[in-house]
Amino acid sequence: MGQQQSKDELLHQQVVYGNVEGIKALSREGAGLEWTDREGKTPLIVACMFSELFNVAKTLIELGANVNAYRPGRHAGTPLHHAAKKGLEETVNLLLSHGANALVMNDDCQTALDVARAKGHSRVVRVIESHICLFSGWLREFYGPGFLEVLAPQWVSRKVWVVILPCGSRKPTKPFKLELAIYSSLQDAQPRTTIALWKANMDEAKFEDPDPAVIILDNSTISRGRRRRRCYTSREARCKPRALRRKYDDC
């Protein structure tokens, strides 16, 4: 048993050294891939913390390493959490393409997407969102306080990037909830606005119309005294086969 543990630990060390051939040789001799160091890091977690260890991470995954291995504690989590924290876009893509669960929360109640947003890694944010989103696309936002609707025939408009995403949960058996994230540009890691769709009221779209619309009424964020109207329209939305116009009222 002690000999087996020694091989496991040696494989972990070869990961740090970036020795792909040494890792393969130890694996053939029966060394395990899930040995954890004093900080709770598996070999794959270590490999996902450094860009120069990308080939090591790829090798470990090919050998059968657990892409969802969980490291408890603050600022920890799965290999995907660690890659997202470091802004390693290529490693994040690798993990997602091999079944990494992007909705797992760490002990800080953050998903890998939350971590990437907090660290300002916009390219990683786009990669994760593209993998898990139900909808994404450029929309045209028309906005202004309620009283301007009477005075002005046209609202002020701007282009925004919109994504509809499932939210992570500490209880995997619970149904996922959806949120609408609105970004001013693709260079932004943090959304300008998020709307909890499970708290909002939605009018069903009339898809028989030539230009169908969905109206979202959000009562959770803005008081009645600060009533605002916003309208989102787009013919560039990615996850729809036809033109889409999306509207919502903030109350």
Protein backbone atom coordinates (compact mmCIF):
# COMPACT_ATOMS: atom_id res chain seq x y z
CA MET A 1 0.00 0.00 0.00
CA GLY A 2 2.83 2.36 0.88
CA GLN A 3 4.53 1.63 -2.45
CA GLN A 4 1.31 2.50 -4.31
CA GLN A 5 0.97 5.79 -2.44
CA SER A 6 4.58 6.62 -3.30
CA LYS A 7 3.86 6.15 -7.01
CA ASP A 8 0.78 8.33 -6.75
CA GLU A 9 2.76 11.08 -5.08
CA LEU A 10 5.56 10.75 -7.62
CA LEU A 11 3.08 11.20 -10.47
CA HIS A 12 1.83 14.36 -8.76
CA GLN A 13 5.41 15.63 -8.67
CA GLN A 14 5.90 14.89 -12.37
CA VAL A 15 2.90 17.11 -13.09
CA VAL A 16 4.66 20.01 -11.37
CA TYR A 17 7.76 19.32 -13.45
CA GLY A 18 5.69 19.14 -16.65
CA ASN A 19 7.03 15.65 -17.43
CA VAL A 20 4.39 14.16 -19.73
CA GLU A 21 6.34 10.98 -20.49
CA GLY A 22 7.03 10.42 -16.80
CA ILE A 23 3.32 10.76 -16.06
CA LYS A 24 2.42 8.23 -18.75
CA ALA A 25 5.05 5.77 -17.50
CA LEU A 26 3.85 5.99 -13.89
CA SER A 27 0.25 5.59 -15.01
CA ARG A 28 1.17 2.39 -16.88
CA GLU A 29 2.76 1.14 -13.66
CA GLY A 30 -0.51 1.67 -11.80
CA ALA A 31 -0.06 5.12 -10.25
CA GLY A 32 -3.35 6.82 -9.42
CA LEU A 33 -4.45 10.11 -10.95
CA GLU A 34 -6.43 11.48 -8.00
CA TRP A 35 -3.79 11.74 -5.25
CA THR A 36 -4.12 15.07 -3.43
CA ASP A 37 -1.39 17.17 -1.87
CA ARG A 38 -1.63 18.98 1.47
CA GLU A 39 -3.69 21.73 -0.15
CA GLY A 40 -6.19 19.25 -1.60
CA LYS A 41 -5.06 19.65 -5.21
CA THR A 42 -5.23 16.69 -7.57
CA PRO A 43 -2.69 16.42 -10.41
CA LEU A 44 -5.26 17.80 -12.86
CA ILE A 45 -6.06 20.78 -10.64
CA VAL A 46 -2.36 21.62 -10.50
CA ALA A 47 -2.07 21.34 -14.28
CA CYS A 48 -5.07 23.63 -14.74
CA MET A 49 -3.41 26.43 -12.78
CA PHE A 50 -0.57 27.11 -15.22
CA SER A 51 -0.69 27.81 -18.95
CA GLU A 52 2.60 25.99 -19.54
CA LEU A 53 1.04 22.78 -18.18
CA PHE A 54 -1.71 22.61 -20.81
CA ASN A 55 -0.24 19.48 -22.42
CA VAL A 56 0.03 17.91 -18.97
CA ALA A 57 -3.66 18.63 -18.33
CA LYS A 58 -4.54 17.13 -21.71
CA THR A 59 -2.50 14.02 -20.96
CA LEU A 60 -4.09 13.55 -17.53
CA ILE A 61 -7.58 13.83 -19.02
CA GLU A 62 -6.71 11.31 -21.73
CA LEU A 63 -5.48 8.95 -19.02
CA GLY A 64 -8.82 9.25 -17.21
CA ALA A 65 -8.37 12.01 -14.63
CA ASN A 66 -11.60 13.29 -13.09
CA VAL A 67 -12.41 16.66 -14.70
CA ASN A 68 -14.88 17.40 -11.90
CA ALA A 69 -12.60 16.53 -8.96
CA TYR A 70 -13.50 18.86 -6.10
CA ARG A 71 -11.06 20.73 -3.89
CA PRO A 72 -12.77 22.05 -0.72
CA GLY A 73 -11.95 25.32 0.99
CA ARG A 74 -11.80 29.03 0.12
CA HIS A 75 -10.90 30.03 -3.44
CA ALA A 76 -10.95 26.39 -4.56
CA GLY A 77 -13.39 24.07 -6.36
CA THR A 78 -13.01 22.03 -9.55
CA PRO A 79 -10.24 22.14 -12.17
CA LEU A 80 -12.53 24.46 -14.15
CA HIS A 81 -12.67 26.92 -11.23
CA HIS A 82 -8.88 27.04 -11.10
CA ALA A 83 -8.46 27.47 -14.86
CA ALA A 84 -11.11 30.21 -14.90
CA LYS A 85 -9.41 32.01 -12.02
CA LYS A 86 -6.12 32.09 -13.94
CA GLY A 87 -7.81 33.15 -17.18
CA LEU A 88 -6.59 30.08 -19.08
CA GLU A 89 -8.93 30.10 -22.08
CA GLU A 90 -7.39 27.08 -23.81
CA THR A 91 -7.52 24.99 -20.63
CA VAL A 92 -11.12 26.03 -19.98
CA ASN A 93 -12.05 24.91 -23.51
CA LEU A 94 -10.26 21.60 -22.92
CA LEU A 95 -12.13 20.91 -19.68
CA LEU A 96 -15.53 21.85 -21.08
CA SER A 97 -15.01 19.68 -24.16
CA HIS A 98 -14.31 16.71 -21.86
CA GLY A 99 -17.40 17.04 -19.69
CA ALA A 100 -16.44 19.55 -16.98
CA ASN A 101 -19.58 20.78 -15.20
CA ALA A 102 -19.64 24.58 -15.43
CA LEU A 103 -22.56 24.87 -13.00
CA VAL A 104 -20.80 23.39 -9.95
CA MET A 105 -20.38 25.86 -7.09
CA ASN A 106 -17.27 25.98 -4.91
CA ASP A 107 -17.26 26.58 -1.16
CA ASP A 108 -17.50 30.34 -1.85
CA CYS A 109 -20.81 29.66 -3.66
CA GLN A 110 -19.25 30.65 -6.99
CA THR A 111 -19.38 28.85 -10.30
CA ALA A 112 -16.40 28.95 -12.65
CA LEU A 113 -18.25 31.68 -14.57
CA ASP A 114 -18.59 33.74 -11.39
CA VAL A 115 -14.85 33.36 -10.77
CA ALA A 116 -13.95 34.42 -14.32
CA ARG A 117 -16.24 37.45 -14.08
CA ALA A 118 -14.77 38.51 -10.73
CA LYS A 119 -11.21 38.23 -12.09
CA GLY A 120 -12.04 40.20 -15.23
CA HIS A 121 -11.24 37.41 -17.70
CA SER A 122 -13.71 38.37 -20.43
CA ARG A 123 -12.48 35.79 -22.96
CA VAL A 124 -13.00 32.97 -20.45
CA VAL A 125 -16.43 34.41 -19.61
CA ARG A 126 -17.39 34.24 -23.29
CA VAL A 127 -16.14 30.64 -23.58
CA ILE A 128 -18.12 29.40 -20.56
CA GLU A 129 -21.25 31.34 -21.49
CA SER A 130 -21.12 30.00 -25.04
CA HIS A 131 -20.95 26.47 -23.65
CA ILE A 132 -23.91 26.71 -21.26
CA CYS A 133 -26.17 29.45 -22.63
CA LEU A 134 -29.68 28.91 -23.96
CA PHE A 135 -29.52 32.14 -25.95
CA SER A 136 -26.91 34.74 -26.86
CA GLY A 137 -26.83 37.62 -29.30
CA TRP A 138 -26.57 41.31 -30.00
CA LEU A 139 -29.75 43.23 -29.20
CA ARG A 140 -30.70 46.85 -29.72
CA GLU A 141 -31.71 48.46 -26.43
CA PHE A 142 -34.20 51.31 -26.39
CA TYR A 143 -34.41 52.97 -23.00
CA GLY A 144 -35.60 56.02 -21.07
CA PRO A 145 -37.66 57.03 -18.00
CA GLY A 146 -41.38 56.43 -18.27
CA PHE A 147 -42.33 60.09 -18.75
CA LEU A 148 -40.15 60.34 -21.87
CA GLU A 149 -42.41 57.87 -23.61
CA VAL A 150 -45.04 60.60 -23.91
CA LEU A 151 -42.65 63.41 -24.84
CA ALA A 152 -40.30 61.61 -27.23
CA PRO A 153 -41.39 59.68 -30.35
CA GLN A 154 -38.18 57.64 -30.22
CA TRP A 155 -36.12 56.36 -27.32
CA VAL A 156 -32.37 56.56 -27.04
CA SER A 157 -30.83 53.30 -28.26
CA ARG A 158 -27.62 51.34 -27.83
CA LYS A 159 -26.35 47.92 -28.80
CA VAL A 160 -25.90 45.34 -26.02
CA TRP A 161 -24.81 41.71 -25.75
CA VAL A 162 -27.40 39.50 -24.05
CA VAL A 163 -27.06 35.95 -22.71
CA ILE A 164 -29.63 33.67 -21.06
CA LEU A 165 -27.92 31.28 -18.65
CA PRO A 166 -28.78 28.58 -16.11
CA CYS A 167 -27.68 29.46 -12.59
CA GLY A 168 -25.56 27.18 -10.42
CA SER A 169 -27.00 25.54 -7.32
CA ARG A 170 -25.61 23.95 -4.16
CA LYS A 171 -28.22 21.21 -4.64
CA PRO A 172 -27.63 19.44 -7.97
CA THR A 173 -31.01 17.70 -7.78
CA LYS A 174 -32.92 21.00 -7.86
CA PRO A 175 -34.09 22.38 -11.23
CA PHE A 176 -31.83 25.08 -12.62
CA LYS A 177 -33.05 28.66 -12.71
CA LEU A 178 -32.40 31.06 -15.58
CA GLU A 179 -31.00 34.57 -15.58
CA LEU A 180 -30.64 37.20 -18.28
CA ALA A 181 -27.19 38.84 -18.35
CA ILE A 182 -26.74 42.10 -20.26
CA TYR A 183 -23.30 43.38 -21.30
CA SER A 184 -22.36 46.73 -22.82
CA SER A 185 -19.71 45.02 -24.97
CA LEU A 186 -17.99 41.68 -25.53
CA GLN A 187 -14.91 43.07 -23.78
CA ASP A 188 -16.80 43.30 -20.48
CA ALA A 189 -16.34 40.45 -18.02
CA GLN A 190 -19.07 41.65 -15.64
CA PRO A 191 -22.64 42.07 -16.89
CA ARG A 192 -24.06 45.56 -16.60
CA THR A 193 -27.43 44.16 -15.56
CA THR A 194 -28.81 40.75 -14.65
CA ILE A 195 -32.47 39.78 -14.45
CA ALA A 196 -33.63 36.74 -12.49
CA LEU A 197 -36.04 35.27 -15.02
CA TRP A 198 -37.63 32.99 -12.42
CA LYS A 199 -38.80 36.16 -10.61
CA ALA A 200 -40.00 37.91 -13.76
CA ASN A 201 -43.29 37.71 -15.60
CA MET A 202 -43.11 36.81 -19.29
CA ASP A 203 -45.73 37.14 -22.01
CA GLU A 204 -45.63 34.26 -24.45
CA ALA A 205 -44.33 35.20 -27.88
CA LYS A 206 -46.72 35.13 -30.83
CA PHE A 207 -44.53 33.30 -33.28
CA GLU A 208 -47.14 33.56 -36.04
CA ASP A 209 -46.34 37.31 -36.20
CA PRO A 210 -43.79 38.37 -38.84
CA ASP A 211 -41.69 40.00 -36.09
CA PRO A 212 -42.42 38.06 -32.85
CA ALA A 213 -41.81 39.68 -29.47
CA VAL A 214 -41.28 38.50 -25.91
CA ILE A 215 -42.12 40.92 -23.10
CA ILE A 216 -40.40 40.45 -19.73
CA LEU A 217 -41.75 42.27 -16.68
CA ASP A 218 -39.18 42.47 -13.88
CA ASN A 219 -40.54 43.61 -10.51
CA SER A 220 -37.51 42.72 -8.40
CA THR A 221 -34.94 45.47 -8.95
CA ILE A 222 -36.44 48.94 -9.49
CA SER A 223 -39.01 50.70 -7.31
CA ARG A 224 -42.30 51.93 -8.76
CA GLY A 225 -41.14 55.55 -8.27
CA ARG A 226 -38.24 54.92 -10.68
CA ARG A 227 -40.29 53.22 -13.36
CA ARG A 228 -38.29 52.62 -16.55
CA ARG A 229 -39.03 51.01 -19.86
CA ARG A 230 -36.53 49.21 -22.03
CA CYS A 231 -36.95 47.44 -25.33
CA TYR A 232 -34.51 44.97 -26.88
CA THR A 233 -34.62 44.17 -30.59
CA SER A 234 -32.30 42.16 -32.77
CA ARG A 235 -31.88 40.33 -36.06
CA GLU A 236 -28.46 39.05 -34.99
CA ALA A 237 -29.42 36.70 -32.16
CA ARG A 238 -27.43 33.47 -32.28
CA CYS A 239 -29.66 30.81 -30.79
CA LYS A 240 -32.77 31.53 -32.86
CA PRO A 241 -33.40 30.55 -36.49
CA ARG A 242 -35.54 33.62 -37.20
CA ALA A 243 -35.63 37.34 -36.40
CA LEU A 244 -36.31 38.03 -32.74
CA ARG A 245 -37.49 41.09 -30.92
CA ARG A 246 -37.25 41.08 -27.13
CA LYS A 247 -38.86 43.61 -24.84
CA TYR A 248 -39.04 44.04 -21.13
CA ASP A 249 -40.34 46.56 -18.60
CA ASP A 250 -38.49 47.32 -15.34
CA CYS A 251 -40.90 48.35 -12.61
